[in-house]
Amino acid sequence: MLVLDASGRVTRVAFVDGRLSMYLGQVAGMDMTAALQQAQRQFEGLRAKYPHMTLGNPAENQIFLTAYQAFSPT
């Protein structure tokens, strides 16, 4: 069967150019845990450089303000 359009929720197996690309939600041949850990390290490293690249060298928490106010029940 050839599927022209589907979401990841219904897709079980995907072949690209005759090669297995995805199986049961996992990218074939890729360690997702390791990839996520590497991406997190890269993000933290990039974020840590911002104070040195920002005028006046403000602290990280002054550069990256939260989009939501903290909620504390009273």
C-alpha atoms as a PDB file:
ATOM      1  CA  MET A   1       0.000   0.000   0.000  1.00  0.00           C
ATOM      2  CA  LEU A   2       1.249   3.489  -0.821  1.00  0.00           C
ATOM      3  CA  VAL A   3       0.295   6.279   1.576  1.00  0.00           C
ATOM      4  CA  LEU A   4       0.622   9.814   0.320  1.00  0.00           C
ATOM      5  CA  ASP A   5      -0.208  11.602   3.560  1.00  0.00           C
ATOM      6  CA  ALA A   6      -0.317  10.467   7.187  1.00  0.00           C
ATOM      7  CA  SER A   7       0.681  11.672  10.617  1.00  0.00           C
ATOM      8  CA  GLY A   8       3.263  10.093  12.878  1.00  0.00           C
ATOM      9  CA  ARG A   9       0.462   8.785  15.075  1.00  0.00           C
ATOM     10  CA  VAL A  10      -0.741   6.366  12.431  1.00  0.00           C
ATOM     11  CA  THR A  11       2.593   5.611  10.770  1.00  0.00           C
ATOM     12  CA  ARG A  12       4.341   2.443  11.934  1.00  0.00           C
ATOM     13  CA  VAL A  13       7.055   1.990   9.303  1.00  0.00           C
ATOM     14  CA  ALA A  14       8.558   4.372   6.773  1.00  0.00           C
ATOM     15  CA  PHE A  15      10.904   3.597   3.916  1.00  0.00           C
ATOM     16  CA  VAL A  16      12.750   6.350   2.066  1.00  0.00           C
ATOM     17  CA  ASP A  17      14.429   5.518  -1.212  1.00  0.00           C
ATOM     18  CA  GLY A  18      14.044   1.816  -0.446  1.00  0.00           C
ATOM     19  CA  ARG A  19      15.702   2.033   2.974  1.00  0.00           C
ATOM     20  CA  LEU A  20      14.108   1.710   6.401  1.00  0.00           C
ATOM     21  CA  SER A  21      13.796   5.212   7.807  1.00  0.00           C
ATOM     22  CA  MET A  22      11.446   4.866  10.785  1.00  0.00           C
ATOM     23  CA  TYR A  23      10.082   1.912  12.704  1.00  0.00           C
ATOM     24  CA  LEU A  24       7.514   2.162  15.508  1.00  0.00           C
ATOM     25  CA  GLY A  25       8.210   5.848  16.081  1.00  0.00           C
ATOM     26  CA  GLN A  26      12.000   5.515  16.208  1.00  0.00           C
ATOM     27  CA  VAL A  27      14.385   6.810  13.572  1.00  0.00           C
ATOM     28  CA  ALA A  28      16.235   3.795  12.205  1.00  0.00           C
ATOM     29  CA  GLY A  29      19.880   3.654  13.256  1.00  0.00           C
ATOM     30  CA  MET A  30      19.662   6.617  15.623  1.00  0.00           C
ATOM     31  CA  ASP A  31      20.074   6.582  19.398  1.00  0.00           C
ATOM     32  CA  MET A  32      17.411   9.136  20.347  1.00  0.00           C
ATOM     33  CA  THR A  33      18.453   9.236  24.009  1.00  0.00           C
ATOM     34  CA  ALA A  34      22.022  10.138  23.075  1.00  0.00           C
ATOM     35  CA  ALA A  35      20.804  12.658  20.484  1.00  0.00           C
ATOM     36  CA  LEU A  36      18.553  14.380  23.024  1.00  0.00           C
ATOM     37  CA  GLN A  37      21.366  14.533  25.582  1.00  0.00           C
ATOM     38  CA  GLN A  38      23.725  16.027  22.986  1.00  0.00           C
ATOM     39  CA  ALA A  39      21.127  18.597  21.941  1.00  0.00           C
ATOM     40  CA  GLN A  40      20.588  19.598  25.584  1.00  0.00           C
ATOM     41  CA  ARG A  41      24.353  20.050  26.114  1.00  0.00           C
ATOM     42  CA  GLN A  42      24.598  22.165  22.969  1.00  0.00           C
ATOM     43  CA  PHE A  43      21.639  24.306  24.052  1.00  0.00           C
ATOM     44  CA  GLU A  44      23.092  24.862  27.531  1.00  0.00           C
ATOM     45  CA  GLY A  45      26.479  25.757  26.044  1.00  0.00           C
ATOM     46  CA  LEU A  46      24.935  28.256  23.640  1.00  0.00           C
ATOM     47  CA  ARG A  47      22.787  29.790  26.360  1.00  0.00           C
ATOM     48  CA  ALA A  48      25.800  30.143  28.683  1.00  0.00           C
ATOM     49  CA  LYS A  49      27.584  32.237  26.013  1.00  0.00           C
ATOM     50  CA  TYR A  50      24.823  34.850  25.766  1.00  0.00           C
ATOM     51  CA  PRO A  51      25.940  37.030  28.713  1.00  0.00           C
ATOM     52  CA  HIS A  52      29.350  37.457  27.056  1.00  0.00           C
ATOM     53  CA  MET A  53      27.737  38.401  23.717  1.00  0.00           C
ATOM     54  CA  THR A  54      25.119  40.790  25.135  1.00  0.00           C
ATOM     55  CA  LEU A  55      25.717  44.485  25.718  1.00  0.00           C
ATOM     56  CA  GLY A  56      26.457  45.102  29.383  1.00  0.00           C
ATOM     57  CA  ASN A  57      26.935  41.380  30.080  1.00  0.00           C
ATOM     58  CA  PRO A  58      23.650  40.855  31.965  1.00  0.00           C
ATOM     59  CA  ALA A  59      22.981  37.583  33.772  1.00  0.00           C
ATOM     60  CA  GLU A  60      21.202  34.783  31.904  1.00  0.00           C
ATOM     61  CA  ASN A  61      18.010  35.271  33.906  1.00  0.00           C
ATOM     62  CA  GLN A  62      17.873  38.890  32.746  1.00  0.00           C
ATOM     63  CA  ILE A  63      18.311  37.936  29.102  1.00  0.00           C
ATOM     64  CA  PHE A  64      15.919  34.990  29.025  1.00  0.00           C
ATOM     65  CA  LEU A  65      12.803  36.185  30.760  1.00  0.00           C
ATOM     66  CA  THR A  66      10.006  33.720  31.334  1.00  0.00           C
ATOM     67  CA  ALA A  67       6.942  34.043  29.148  1.00  0.00           C
ATOM     68  CA  TYR A  68       4.703  33.129  32.079  1.00  0.00           C
ATOM     69  CA  GLN A  69       4.638  34.551  35.555  1.00  0.00           C
ATOM     70  CA  ALA A  70       5.300  32.101  38.331  1.00  0.00           C
ATOM     71  CA  PHE A  71       2.130  31.043  40.105  1.00  0.00           C
ATOM     72  CA  SER A  72       2.089  30.362  43.790  1.00  0.00           C
ATOM     73  CA  PRO A  73      -1.208  29.559  45.456  1.00  0.00           C
ATOM     74  CA  THR A  74      -1.969  31.761  48.419  1.00  0.00           C
END
